[in-house]
Amino acid sequence: MTDTFPAYLISKTESGQATELTNITSDDLMDGDVTVKVEYSTLNYKDGLAMTGKAPVVRRFPLVPGIDFAGSVVSSDHPRFKQGDRVVLNGFGVGEVHSGGYAGMARVKGDWLVALPKGFSARQAMAVGTAGYTAMLCVMALEQHGLTPDSGELLVTGAAGGVGSVAVSLLSRLGFQVTGSSGRASQRDYLIGLGAHEVIDRSEFNGKVRPLAKERWAGAVDVAGGNTLANVLSQIRYGGAVAACGLAESMDLPASVAPFILRGVTLYGIDSVMASIEKRQQAWDRLATDLDLDQLEKMIVEVPFEELPAAAQAILEGKVRGRTVVKIPS
């Protein structure tokens, strides 16, 4: 195959990196045993970092960014997949050390692919994307901890973002009472529409961290890290849990051991990049049954392929709400 198709390509420069929209062929794709025609991709916070070079996400050059994609198999030497199969990919270093979804075609290892659950279109799968799949992993961790709707109120930080939006929707549909935290007061109606019981300002978690604060939440999903996560931990009820999956605020954690040894709080680290295929398939199967697709549609903003660089900058500035999908031109 020598078809030509559009792609974003990140190259190394003397001052850092450069991102350009260009055309490549299948001969330019990296090694792998499955070739996929990419129909849709999405924009995550990590994609924003990669596209702008604001953090050293990309570690191999030249490289096609895009940590997610969904599409159909063009050719396969992998026993699990055949031509025409519908597949989705999240993580595994794609968009970081292996070319990803911001191109008309992608060639990857079949071991990285998940069969697209019935009922999901490629567009819907990318509306979920890594953010929604990560949110499902967080929900699963809290459930496995033993939290139920009777346990008490849950908190979701960064609630208007990609992970937060899906987490609010999932948890509320599962019967939990959910409070969303956001720095954007204008998003209150949006979050209430997704099922949030209450919306509070993220400034409530900006203050100096106390070892133990008043017990407020049975559990939480946190995308922020930093001072926010430290304050959330200090407010978790006895025996509760936090699923932490992001560092939008900071990689630091200025907390004490008090919540862990005096209240028996558990902090779950949620890794979506290298999670096993079994866990991925479980998460996607749960999304197919537990996610309200009508609510998912409310989260979607579709960005033209050529406007991805501007959207990447916007997501880093906290100006993107919900889930951004990108139709990939052939």
C-alpha atoms as a PDB file:
ATOM      1  CA  MET A   1       0.000   0.000   0.000  1.00  0.00           C
ATOM      2  CA  THR A   2       1.303   3.424  -0.938  1.00  0.00           C
ATOM      3  CA  ASP A   3      -1.813   5.530  -0.473  1.00  0.00           C
ATOM      4  CA  THR A   4      -1.201   9.115   0.554  1.00  0.00           C
ATOM      5  CA  PHE A   5      -3.147  10.531   3.493  1.00  0.00           C
ATOM      6  CA  PRO A   6      -3.000  13.603   5.766  1.00  0.00           C
ATOM      7  CA  ALA A   7      -1.168  13.480   9.073  1.00  0.00           C
ATOM      8  CA  TYR A   8       0.231  15.698  11.771  1.00  0.00           C
ATOM      9  CA  LEU A   9       3.948  15.078  12.141  1.00  0.00           C
ATOM     10  CA  ILE A  10       6.067  16.196  15.080  1.00  0.00           C
ATOM     11  CA  SER A  11       9.761  16.687  14.326  1.00  0.00           C
ATOM     12  CA  LYS A  12      12.716  17.518  16.513  1.00  0.00           C
ATOM     13  CA  THR A  13      14.206  20.997  16.151  1.00  0.00           C
ATOM     14  CA  GLU A  14      17.123  22.824  17.750  1.00  0.00           C
ATOM     15  CA  SER A  15      14.706  24.746  19.978  1.00  0.00           C
ATOM     16  CA  GLY A  16      12.472  21.777  20.828  1.00  0.00           C
ATOM     17  CA  GLN A  17       9.912  20.427  18.387  1.00  0.00           C
ATOM     18  CA  ALA A  18       7.758  21.477  15.456  1.00  0.00           C
ATOM     19  CA  THR A  19       4.303  20.194  14.491  1.00  0.00           C
ATOM     20  CA  GLU A  20       3.099  20.360  10.894  1.00  0.00           C
ATOM     21  CA  LEU A  21       0.126  19.134   8.910  1.00  0.00           C
ATOM     22  CA  THR A  22       1.479  17.184   5.961  1.00  0.00           C
ATOM     23  CA  ASN A  23       0.877  14.097   3.842  1.00  0.00           C
ATOM     24  CA  ILE A  24       2.472  10.715   4.418  1.00  0.00           C
ATOM     25  CA  THR A  25       2.070   7.228   2.965  1.00  0.00           C
ATOM     26  CA  SER A  26       1.681   3.786   4.470  1.00  0.00           C
ATOM     27  CA  ASP A  27       5.413   3.312   3.918  1.00  0.00           C
ATOM     28  CA  ASP A  28       5.971   5.978   6.593  1.00  0.00           C
ATOM     29  CA  LEU A  29       4.019   4.061   9.243  1.00  0.00           C
ATOM     30  CA  MET A  30       5.836   2.347  12.091  1.00  0.00           C
ATOM     31  CA  ASP A  31       6.144  -1.401  12.579  1.00  0.00           C
ATOM     32  CA  GLY A  32       3.157  -3.425  13.734  1.00  0.00           C
ATOM     33  CA  ASP A  33       1.081  -6.438  12.803  1.00  0.00           C
ATOM     34  CA  VAL A  34      -2.241  -4.613  12.319  1.00  0.00           C
ATOM     35  CA  THR A  35      -2.937  -1.687   9.989  1.00  0.00           C
ATOM     36  CA  VAL A  36      -6.027   0.386  10.767  1.00  0.00           C
ATOM     37  CA  LYS A  37      -7.910   2.956   8.746  1.00  0.00           C
ATOM     38  CA  VAL A  38      -8.422   5.674  11.342  1.00  0.00           C
ATOM     39  CA  GLU A  39     -11.907   7.161  11.275  1.00  0.00           C
ATOM     40  CA  TYR A  40     -11.942   9.254  14.445  1.00  0.00           C
ATOM     41  CA  SER A  41      -9.505  10.388  17.087  1.00  0.00           C
ATOM     42  CA  THR A  42      -9.869  12.684  20.061  1.00  0.00           C
ATOM     43  CA  LEU A  43      -8.052  15.370  22.022  1.00  0.00           C
ATOM     44  CA  ASN A  44      -6.858  14.632  25.552  1.00  0.00           C
ATOM     45  CA  TYR A  45      -4.773  16.795  27.875  1.00  0.00           C
ATOM     46  CA  LYS A  46      -1.727  14.668  27.031  1.00  0.00           C
ATOM     47  CA  ASP A  47      -2.369  15.278  23.322  1.00  0.00           C
ATOM     48  CA  GLY A  48      -2.355  19.004  24.034  1.00  0.00           C
ATOM     49  CA  LEU A  49       1.026  18.677  25.717  1.00  0.00           C
ATOM     50  CA  ALA A  50       2.354  16.630  22.805  1.00  0.00           C
ATOM     51  CA  MET A  51       1.071  18.934  20.071  1.00  0.00           C
ATOM     52  CA  THR A  52       2.361  22.108  21.730  1.00  0.00           C
ATOM     53  CA  GLY A  53       5.597  20.708  23.144  1.00  0.00           C
ATOM     54  CA  LYS A  54       4.715  22.149  26.573  1.00  0.00           C
ATOM     55  CA  ALA A  55       5.943  18.904  28.158  1.00  0.00           C
ATOM     56  CA  PRO A  56       8.256  16.166  26.811  1.00  0.00           C
ATOM     57  CA  VAL A  57       5.426  13.771  25.988  1.00  0.00           C
ATOM     58  CA  VAL A  58       6.841  12.858  22.565  1.00  0.00           C
ATOM     59  CA  ARG A  59      10.037  10.857  22.995  1.00  0.00           C
ATOM     60  CA  ARG A  60      10.648   9.653  19.439  1.00  0.00           C
ATOM     61  CA  PHE A  61      10.911  11.749  16.288  1.00  0.00           C
ATOM     62  CA  PRO A  62       9.420  12.131  13.770  1.00  0.00           C
ATOM     63  CA  LEU A  63       6.118  10.943  15.186  1.00  0.00           C
ATOM     64  CA  VAL A  64       2.383  11.186  14.505  1.00  0.00           C
ATOM     65  CA  PRO A  65       0.642  12.298  17.746  1.00  0.00           C
ATOM     66  CA  GLY A  66      -2.762  11.161  18.998  1.00  0.00           C
ATOM     67  CA  ILE A  67      -2.979   8.681  21.888  1.00  0.00           C
ATOM     68  CA  ASP A  68      -6.433   7.410  20.826  1.00  0.00           C
ATOM     69  CA  PHE A  69      -8.058   6.244  17.641  1.00  0.00           C
ATOM     70  CA  ALA A  70     -10.956   4.153  16.397  1.00  0.00           C
ATOM     71  CA  GLY A  71     -11.475   2.624  12.994  1.00  0.00           C
ATOM     72  CA  SER A  72     -11.457  -0.558  10.967  1.00  0.00           C
ATOM     73  CA  VAL A  73      -8.722  -3.093  10.295  1.00  0.00           C
ATOM     74  CA  VAL A  74      -7.251  -2.896   6.796  1.00  0.00           C
ATOM     75  CA  SER A  75      -4.796  -5.785   7.186  1.00  0.00           C
ATOM     76  CA  SER A  76      -3.727  -8.021  10.051  1.00  0.00           C
ATOM     77  CA  ASP A  77      -1.138 -10.662  10.894  1.00  0.00           C
ATOM     78  CA  HIS A  78      -2.488 -10.865  14.438  1.00  0.00           C
ATOM     79  CA  PRO A  79      -4.636 -13.871  15.437  1.00  0.00           C
ATOM     80  CA  ARG A  80      -7.303 -11.768  17.191  1.00  0.00           C
ATOM     81  CA  PHE A  81      -8.069  -9.462  14.285  1.00  0.00           C
ATOM     82  CA  LYS A  82      -9.019  -9.710  10.623  1.00  0.00           C
ATOM     83  CA  GLN A  83      -9.798  -7.253   7.858  1.00  0.00           C
ATOM     84  CA  GLY A  84     -12.944  -5.276   8.585  1.00  0.00           C
ATOM     85  CA  ASP A  85     -12.874  -5.657  12.376  1.00  0.00           C
ATOM     86  CA  ARG A  86     -13.821  -2.531  14.308  1.00  0.00           C
ATOM     87  CA  VAL A  87     -11.202  -1.588  16.881  1.00  0.00           C
ATOM     88  CA  VAL A  88     -10.250   1.081  19.392  1.00  0.00           C
ATOM     89  CA  LEU A  89      -6.852   1.971  20.830  1.00  0.00           C
ATOM     90  CA  ASN A  90      -5.918   3.888  23.980  1.00  0.00           C
ATOM     91  CA  GLY A  91      -2.404   4.445  25.264  1.00  0.00           C
ATOM     92  CA  PHE A  92       0.398   1.863  25.188  1.00  0.00           C
ATOM     93  CA  GLY A  93       2.798   4.683  24.335  1.00  0.00           C
ATOM     94  CA  VAL A  94       0.992   5.486  21.079  1.00  0.00           C
ATOM     95  CA  GLY A  95       1.320   9.207  20.415  1.00  0.00           C
ATOM     96  CA  GLU A  96       4.420   9.228  22.620  1.00  0.00           C
ATOM     97  CA  VAL A  97       6.923   6.671  21.285  1.00  0.00           C
ATOM     98  CA  HIS A  98       4.821   5.118  18.509  1.00  0.00           C
ATOM     99  CA  SER A  99       2.893   7.017  15.851  1.00  0.00           C
ATOM    100  CA  GLY A 100      -0.767   7.480  16.719  1.00  0.00           C
ATOM    101  CA  GLY A 101      -4.198   8.590  15.635  1.00  0.00           C
ATOM    102  CA  TYR A 102      -3.717  11.968  13.946  1.00  0.00           C
ATOM    103  CA  ALA A 103      -3.303  10.383  10.512  1.00  0.00           C
ATOM    104  CA  GLY A 104      -5.486   8.608   7.992  1.00  0.00           C
ATOM    105  CA  MET A 105      -3.837   5.261   8.784  1.00  0.00           C
ATOM    106  CA  ALA A 106      -2.044   3.715  11.763  1.00  0.00           C
ATOM    107  CA  ARG A 107       0.017   0.550  12.107  1.00  0.00           C
ATOM    108  CA  VAL A 108       0.313  -0.882  15.622  1.00  0.00           C
ATOM    109  CA  LYS A 109       0.670  -4.106  17.559  1.00  0.00           C
ATOM    110  CA  GLY A 110      -2.537  -6.088  17.699  1.00  0.00           C
ATOM    111  CA  ASP A 111      -1.890  -6.676  21.396  1.00  0.00           C
ATOM    112  CA  TRP A 112      -2.666  -2.987  21.921  1.00  0.00           C
ATOM    113  CA  LEU A 113      -6.103  -3.085  20.303  1.00  0.00           C
ATOM    114  CA  VAL A 114      -9.501  -3.658  21.871  1.00  0.00           C
ATOM    115  CA  ALA A 115     -12.504  -4.843  19.912  1.00  0.00           C
ATOM    116  CA  LEU A 116     -14.983  -1.988  19.657  1.00  0.00           C
ATOM    117  CA  PRO A 117     -18.057  -3.025  21.687  1.00  0.00           C
ATOM    118  CA  LYS A 118     -21.296  -3.403  19.777  1.00  0.00           C
ATOM    119  CA  GLY A 119     -23.405  -0.299  20.019  1.00  0.00           C
ATOM    120  CA  PHE A 120     -20.446   2.101  19.803  1.00  0.00           C
ATOM    121  CA  SER A 121     -19.667   3.975  16.609  1.00  0.00           C
ATOM    122  CA  ALA A 122     -16.102   5.131  16.003  1.00  0.00           C
ATOM    123  CA  ARG A 123     -17.234   8.689  16.811  1.00  0.00           C
ATOM    124  CA  GLN A 124     -18.809   7.633  20.096  1.00  0.00           C
ATOM    125  CA  ALA A 125     -15.743   5.581  20.987  1.00  0.00           C
ATOM    126  CA  MET A 126     -13.588   8.663  20.567  1.00  0.00           C
ATOM    127  CA  ALA A 127     -16.067  10.764  22.497  1.00  0.00           C
ATOM    128  CA  VAL A 128     -15.219   8.310  25.267  1.00  0.00           C
ATOM    129  CA  GLY A 129     -11.509   8.112  24.389  1.00  0.00           C
ATOM    130  CA  THR A 130      -8.758   7.774  26.953  1.00  0.00           C
ATOM    131  CA  ALA A 131     -10.520  10.292  29.202  1.00  0.00           C
ATOM    132  CA  GLY A 132     -13.759   8.306  29.381  1.00  0.00           C
ATOM    133  CA  TYR A 133     -11.980   4.973  29.571  1.00  0.00           C
ATOM    134  CA  THR A 134      -9.883   6.353  32.439  1.00  0.00           C
ATOM    135  CA  ALA A 135     -13.044   7.577  34.165  1.00  0.00           C
ATOM    136  CA  MET A 136     -14.435   4.037  33.936  1.00  0.00           C
ATOM    137  CA  LEU A 137     -11.244   2.634  35.480  1.00  0.00           C
ATOM    138  CA  CYS A 138     -11.703   5.114  38.346  1.00  0.00           C
ATOM    139  CA  VAL A 139     -15.311   4.039  38.849  1.00  0.00           C
ATOM    140  CA  MET A 140     -14.284   0.382  38.832  1.00  0.00           C
ATOM    141  CA  ALA A 141     -11.614   1.067  41.474  1.00  0.00           C
ATOM    142  CA  LEU A 142     -14.124   2.776  43.777  1.00  0.00           C
ATOM    143  CA  GLU A 143     -16.607  -0.065  43.284  1.00  0.00           C
ATOM    144  CA  GLN A 144     -13.943  -2.682  44.001  1.00  0.00           C
ATOM    145  CA  HIS A 145     -13.103  -0.764  47.163  1.00  0.00           C
ATOM    146  CA  GLY A 146     -16.661  -1.463  48.231  1.00  0.00           C
ATOM    147  CA  LEU A 147     -18.270   1.926  47.751  1.00  0.00           C
ATOM    148  CA  THR A 148     -21.979   1.882  46.932  1.00  0.00           C
ATOM    149  CA  PRO A 149     -24.591   4.641  46.640  1.00  0.00           C
ATOM    150  CA  ASP A 150     -25.355   4.041  50.315  1.00  0.00           C
ATOM    151  CA  SER A 151     -21.749   4.863  51.258  1.00  0.00           C
ATOM    152  CA  GLY A 152     -22.284   8.593  50.858  1.00  0.00           C
ATOM    153  CA  GLU A 153     -21.531  11.459  48.508  1.00  0.00           C
ATOM    154  CA  LEU A 154     -18.715  11.294  45.969  1.00  0.00           C
ATOM    155  CA  LEU A 155     -16.594  14.160  44.657  1.00  0.00           C
ATOM    156  CA  VAL A 156     -15.272  14.581  41.126  1.00  0.00           C
ATOM    157  CA  THR A 157     -12.605  17.247  40.605  1.00  0.00           C
ATOM    158  CA  GLY A 158     -12.107  18.883  37.224  1.00  0.00           C
ATOM    159  CA  ALA A 159     -15.683  17.883  36.605  1.00  0.00           C
ATOM    160  CA  ALA A 160     -16.194  19.860  33.387  1.00  0.00           C
ATOM    161  CA  GLY A 161     -13.180  18.267  31.698  1.00  0.00           C
ATOM    162  CA  GLY A 162     -13.048  15.015  29.767  1.00  0.00           C
ATOM    163  CA  VAL A 163     -12.450  12.570  32.615  1.00  0.00           C
ATOM    164  CA  GLY A 164     -14.640  14.532  34.990  1.00  0.00           C
ATOM    165  CA  SER A 165     -17.609  14.786  32.647  1.00  0.00           C
ATOM    166  CA  VAL A 166     -17.710  11.049  31.997  1.00  0.00           C
ATOM    167  CA  ALA A 167     -17.107  10.255  35.687  1.00  0.00           C
ATOM    168  CA  VAL A 168     -20.037  12.466  36.745  1.00  0.00           C
ATOM    169  CA  SER A 169     -22.294  10.858  34.153  1.00  0.00           C
ATOM    170  CA  LEU A 170     -21.280   7.289  35.021  1.00  0.00           C
ATOM    171  CA  LEU A 171     -21.469   7.674  38.790  1.00  0.00           C
ATOM    172  CA  SER A 172     -24.811   9.450  38.770  1.00  0.00           C
ATOM    173  CA  ARG A 173     -26.303   6.822  36.465  1.00  0.00           C
ATOM    174  CA  LEU A 174     -25.033   4.128  38.850  1.00  0.00           C
ATOM    175  CA  GLY A 175     -27.018   5.788  41.637  1.00  0.00           C
ATOM    176  CA  PHE A 176     -24.299   7.770  43.432  1.00  0.00           C
ATOM    177  CA  GLN A 177     -24.850  11.293  44.673  1.00  0.00           C
ATOM    178  CA  VAL A 178     -22.093  13.281  42.977  1.00  0.00           C
ATOM    179  CA  THR A 179     -20.638  16.694  43.646  1.00  0.00           C
ATOM    180  CA  GLY A 180     -18.605  18.195  40.831  1.00  0.00           C
ATOM    181  CA  SER A 181     -15.770  20.624  41.442  1.00  0.00           C
ATOM    182  CA  SER A 182     -14.916  23.103  38.692  1.00  0.00           C
ATOM    183  CA  GLY A 183     -13.161  26.414  38.248  1.00  0.00           C
ATOM    184  CA  ARG A 184     -15.746  27.462  35.672  1.00  0.00           C
ATOM    185  CA  ALA A 185     -19.001  28.661  37.195  1.00  0.00           C
ATOM    186  CA  SER A 186     -20.494  28.833  33.705  1.00  0.00           C
ATOM    187  CA  GLN A 187     -20.452  25.020  33.540  1.00  0.00           C
ATOM    188  CA  ARG A 188     -22.869  24.492  36.432  1.00  0.00           C
ATOM    189  CA  ASP A 189     -25.917  23.805  34.252  1.00  0.00           C
ATOM    190  CA  TYR A 190     -23.867  21.485  32.046  1.00  0.00           C
ATOM    191  CA  LEU A 191     -22.760  19.407  35.056  1.00  0.00           C
ATOM    192  CA  ILE A 192     -26.224  19.338  36.602  1.00  0.00           C
ATOM    193  CA  GLY A 193     -27.438  18.074  33.244  1.00  0.00           C
ATOM    194  CA  LEU A 194     -24.920  15.220  33.452  1.00  0.00           C
ATOM    195  CA  GLY A 195     -26.290  14.205  36.843  1.00  0.00           C
ATOM    196  CA  ALA A 196     -24.282  16.198  39.390  1.00  0.00           C
ATOM    197  CA  HIS A 197     -26.214  16.792  42.612  1.00  0.00           C
ATOM    198  CA  GLU A 198     -24.176  19.889  43.384  1.00  0.00           C
ATOM    199  CA  VAL A 199     -21.374  21.930  41.797  1.00  0.00           C
ATOM    200  CA  ILE A 200     -18.753  23.668  43.938  1.00  0.00           C
ATOM    201  CA  ASP A 201     -15.859  25.927  43.052  1.00  0.00           C
ATOM    202  CA  ARG A 202     -12.424  24.359  42.925  1.00  0.00           C
ATOM    203  CA  SER A 203     -11.135  27.212  45.093  1.00  0.00           C
ATOM    204  CA  GLU A 204     -12.475  25.251  48.068  1.00  0.00           C
ATOM    205  CA  PHE A 205      -9.428  23.012  47.657  1.00  0.00           C
ATOM    206  CA  ASN A 206      -6.844  25.763  47.157  1.00  0.00           C
ATOM    207  CA  GLY A 207      -6.172  26.544  50.811  1.00  0.00           C
ATOM    208  CA  LYS A 208      -3.448  25.314  53.095  1.00  0.00           C
ATOM    209  CA  VAL A 209      -3.677  21.579  53.575  1.00  0.00           C
ATOM    210  CA  ARG A 210      -4.656  20.387  57.051  1.00  0.00           C
ATOM    211  CA  PRO A 211      -3.654  16.847  58.041  1.00  0.00           C
ATOM    212  CA  LEU A 212      -7.317  16.092  58.693  1.00  0.00           C
ATOM    213  CA  ALA A 213     -10.302  18.233  57.761  1.00  0.00           C
ATOM    214  CA  LYS A 214     -14.011  17.671  58.266  1.00  0.00           C
ATOM    215  CA  GLU A 215     -15.147  14.377  56.742  1.00  0.00           C
ATOM    216  CA  ARG A 216     -17.216  15.180  53.652  1.00  0.00           C
ATOM    217  CA  TRP A 217     -16.849  12.554  50.925  1.00  0.00           C
ATOM    218  CA  ALA A 218     -17.154   8.779  50.850  1.00  0.00           C
ATOM    219  CA  GLY A 219     -14.831   8.795  47.863  1.00  0.00           C
ATOM    220  CA  ALA A 220     -13.541  10.871  44.989  1.00  0.00           C
ATOM    221  CA  VAL A 221     -12.214  10.869  41.451  1.00  0.00           C
ATOM    222  CA  ASP A 222      -9.337  13.332  41.149  1.00  0.00           C
ATOM    223  CA  VAL A 223      -7.731  14.634  37.968  1.00  0.00           C
ATOM    224  CA  ALA A 224      -5.798  17.509  39.526  1.00  0.00           C
ATOM    225  CA  GLY A 225      -3.147  16.217  41.902  1.00  0.00           C
ATOM    226  CA  GLY A 226      -1.256  18.822  43.887  1.00  0.00           C
ATOM    227  CA  ASN A 227      -2.918  20.884  46.586  1.00  0.00           C
ATOM    228  CA  THR A 228      -6.363  19.846  45.409  1.00  0.00           C
ATOM    229  CA  LEU A 229      -5.733  16.136  45.898  1.00  0.00           C
ATOM    230  CA  ALA A 230      -4.088  16.749  49.275  1.00  0.00           C
ATOM    231  CA  ASN A 231      -7.141  18.688  50.481  1.00  0.00           C
ATOM    232  CA  VAL A 232      -9.529  16.080  49.083  1.00  0.00           C
ATOM    233  CA  LEU A 233      -7.693  13.318  50.946  1.00  0.00           C
ATOM    234  CA  SER A 234      -8.018  15.244  54.200  1.00  0.00           C
ATOM    235  CA  GLN A 235     -11.816  15.363  53.726  1.00  0.00           C
ATOM    236  CA  ILE A 236     -12.478  11.700  52.893  1.00  0.00           C
ATOM    237  CA  ARG A 237     -14.615   9.829  55.399  1.00  0.00           C
ATOM    238  CA  TYR A 238     -13.322   6.917  57.421  1.00  0.00           C
ATOM    239  CA  GLY A 239     -12.615   3.922  55.176  1.00  0.00           C
ATOM    240  CA  GLY A 240     -13.173   5.897  51.974  1.00  0.00           C
ATOM    241  CA  ALA A 241     -11.100   6.010  48.818  1.00  0.00           C
ATOM    242  CA  VAL A 242      -9.811   8.323  46.120  1.00  0.00           C
ATOM    243  CA  ALA A 243      -9.049   7.283  42.547  1.00  0.00           C
ATOM    244  CA  ALA A 244      -6.325   9.606  41.268  1.00  0.00           C
ATOM    245  CA  CYS A 245      -5.693   9.718  37.532  1.00  0.00           C
ATOM    246  CA  GLY A 246      -4.309  13.133  36.625  1.00  0.00           C
ATOM    247  CA  LEU A 247      -1.933  15.991  37.339  1.00  0.00           C
ATOM    248  CA  ALA A 248      -3.705  18.939  35.733  1.00  0.00           C
ATOM    249  CA  GLU A 249      -2.746  21.068  38.739  1.00  0.00           C
ATOM    250  CA  SER A 250       0.538  19.509  39.793  1.00  0.00           C
ATOM    251  CA  MET A 251       2.510  16.300  40.097  1.00  0.00           C
ATOM    252  CA  ASP A 252       3.272  17.181  43.719  1.00  0.00           C
ATOM    253  CA  LEU A 253       1.262  15.863  46.666  1.00  0.00           C
ATOM    254  CA  PRO A 254       1.716  18.086  49.757  1.00  0.00           C
ATOM    255  CA  ALA A 255      -0.259  15.768  52.017  1.00  0.00           C
ATOM    256  CA  SER A 256       0.360  14.010  55.335  1.00  0.00           C
ATOM    257  CA  VAL A 257      -0.081  10.361  56.254  1.00  0.00           C
ATOM    258  CA  ALA A 258      -2.924  11.268  58.641  1.00  0.00           C
ATOM    259  CA  PRO A 259      -5.835  10.349  56.327  1.00  0.00           C
ATOM    260  CA  PHE A 260      -4.273   6.960  55.644  1.00  0.00           C
ATOM    261  CA  ILE A 261      -3.358   5.896  59.179  1.00  0.00           C
ATOM    262  CA  LEU A 262      -6.099   7.652  61.165  1.00  0.00           C
ATOM    263  CA  ARG A 263      -9.075   7.262  58.837  1.00  0.00           C
ATOM    264  CA  GLY A 264      -8.047   4.235  56.829  1.00  0.00           C
ATOM    265  CA  VAL A 265      -8.322   6.156  53.550  1.00  0.00           C
ATOM    266  CA  THR A 266      -7.072   4.444  50.390  1.00  0.00           C
ATOM    267  CA  LEU A 267      -5.486   6.247  47.441  1.00  0.00           C
ATOM    268  CA  TYR A 268      -5.769   4.322  44.178  1.00  0.00           C
ATOM    269  CA  GLY A 269      -3.445   5.275  41.356  1.00  0.00           C
ATOM    270  CA  ILE A 270      -5.205   4.796  38.014  1.00  0.00           C
ATOM    271  CA  ASP A 271      -2.953   4.020  35.059  1.00  0.00           C
ATOM    272  CA  SER A 272      -4.720   3.904  31.723  1.00  0.00           C
ATOM    273  CA  VAL A 273      -1.625   3.753  29.502  1.00  0.00           C
ATOM    274  CA  MET A 274      -0.296   0.271  30.263  1.00  0.00           C
ATOM    275  CA  ALA A 275      -3.376  -1.402  31.763  1.00  0.00           C
ATOM    276  CA  SER A 276      -3.868  -5.002  30.674  1.00  0.00           C
ATOM    277  CA  ILE A 277      -6.045  -5.888  27.695  1.00  0.00           C
ATOM    278  CA  GLU A 278      -8.349  -7.755  30.085  1.00  0.00           C
ATOM    279  CA  LYS A 279      -8.899  -4.654  32.215  1.00  0.00           C
ATOM    280  CA  ARG A 280      -9.329  -2.503  29.103  1.00  0.00           C
ATOM    281  CA  GLN A 281     -11.928  -4.817  27.633  1.00  0.00           C
ATOM    282  CA  GLN A 282     -13.761  -4.901  30.952  1.00  0.00           C
ATOM    283  CA  ALA A 283     -13.784  -1.103  31.074  1.00  0.00           C
ATOM    284  CA  TRP A 284     -15.048  -0.779  27.508  1.00  0.00           C
ATOM    285  CA  ASP A 285     -17.716  -3.424  28.073  1.00  0.00           C
ATOM    286  CA  ARG A 286     -18.863  -1.529  31.171  1.00  0.00           C
ATOM    287  CA  LEU A 287     -18.948   1.723  29.202  1.00  0.00           C
ATOM    288  CA  ALA A 288     -21.165   0.052  26.615  1.00  0.00           C
ATOM    289  CA  THR A 289     -23.730  -0.792  29.293  1.00  0.00           C
ATOM    290  CA  ASP A 290     -23.331   1.974  31.906  1.00  0.00           C
ATOM    291  CA  LEU A 291     -22.724   5.133  29.894  1.00  0.00           C
ATOM    292  CA  ASP A 292     -25.741   7.120  28.749  1.00  0.00           C
ATOM    293  CA  LEU A 293     -25.039   7.765  25.056  1.00  0.00           C
ATOM    294  CA  ASP A 294     -27.484  10.682  24.991  1.00  0.00           C
ATOM    295  CA  GLN A 295     -25.484  12.338  27.767  1.00  0.00           C
ATOM    296  CA  LEU A 296     -22.262  11.472  25.938  1.00  0.00           C
ATOM    297  CA  GLU A 297     -23.555  13.418  22.957  1.00  0.00           C
ATOM    298  CA  LYS A 298     -23.989  16.484  25.193  1.00  0.00           C
ATOM    299  CA  MET A 299     -20.280  16.324  26.052  1.00  0.00           C
ATOM    300  CA  ILE A 300     -19.056  16.277  22.446  1.00  0.00           C
ATOM    301  CA  VAL A 301     -17.365  19.134  20.643  1.00  0.00           C
ATOM    302  CA  GLU A 302     -16.198  18.166  17.157  1.00  0.00           C
ATOM    303  CA  VAL A 303     -13.083  19.947  15.925  1.00  0.00           C
ATOM    304  CA  PRO A 304     -12.004  20.023  12.266  1.00  0.00           C
ATOM    305  CA  PHE A 305      -8.731  18.203  11.649  1.00  0.00           C
ATOM    306  CA  GLU A 306      -6.953  21.364  10.529  1.00  0.00           C
ATOM    307  CA  GLU A 307      -7.902  23.153  13.770  1.00  0.00           C
ATOM    308  CA  LEU A 308      -6.264  20.612  16.080  1.00  0.00           C
ATOM    309  CA  PRO A 309      -3.265  22.842  16.987  1.00  0.00           C
ATOM    310  CA  ALA A 310      -5.563  25.612  18.246  1.00  0.00           C
ATOM    311  CA  ALA A 311      -7.688  23.098  20.144  1.00  0.00           C
ATOM    312  CA  ALA A 312      -4.532  21.626  21.701  1.00  0.00           C
ATOM    313  CA  GLN A 313      -3.603  25.042  23.057  1.00  0.00           C
ATOM    314  CA  ALA A 314      -7.138  25.599  24.336  1.00  0.00           C
ATOM    315  CA  ILE A 315      -7.249  22.340  26.303  1.00  0.00           C
ATOM    316  CA  LEU A 316      -4.053  23.314  28.140  1.00  0.00           C
ATOM    317  CA  GLU A 317      -5.614  26.665  29.026  1.00  0.00           C
ATOM    318  CA  GLY A 318      -8.674  24.965  30.521  1.00  0.00           C
ATOM    319  CA  LYS A 319     -10.965  26.272  27.807  1.00  0.00           C
ATOM    320  CA  VAL A 320     -12.241  22.914  26.571  1.00  0.00           C
ATOM    321  CA  ARG A 321     -15.377  21.363  28.027  1.00  0.00           C
ATOM    322  CA  GLY A 322     -16.281  17.695  27.874  1.00  0.00           C
ATOM    323  CA  ARG A 323     -14.943  15.562  25.046  1.00  0.00           C
ATOM    324  CA  THR A 324     -13.354  16.736  21.810  1.00  0.00           C
ATOM    325  CA  VAL A 325     -13.634  14.439  18.801  1.00  0.00           C
ATOM    326  CA  VAL A 326     -11.778  14.752  15.518  1.00  0.00           C
ATOM    327  CA  LYS A 327     -12.866  13.167  12.241  1.00  0.00           C
ATOM    328  CA  ILE A 328      -9.755  12.001  10.439  1.00  0.00           C
ATOM    329  CA  PRO A 329      -9.767  12.744   6.705  1.00  0.00           C
ATOM    330  CA  SER A 330      -8.828   9.831   4.447  1.00  0.00           C
END
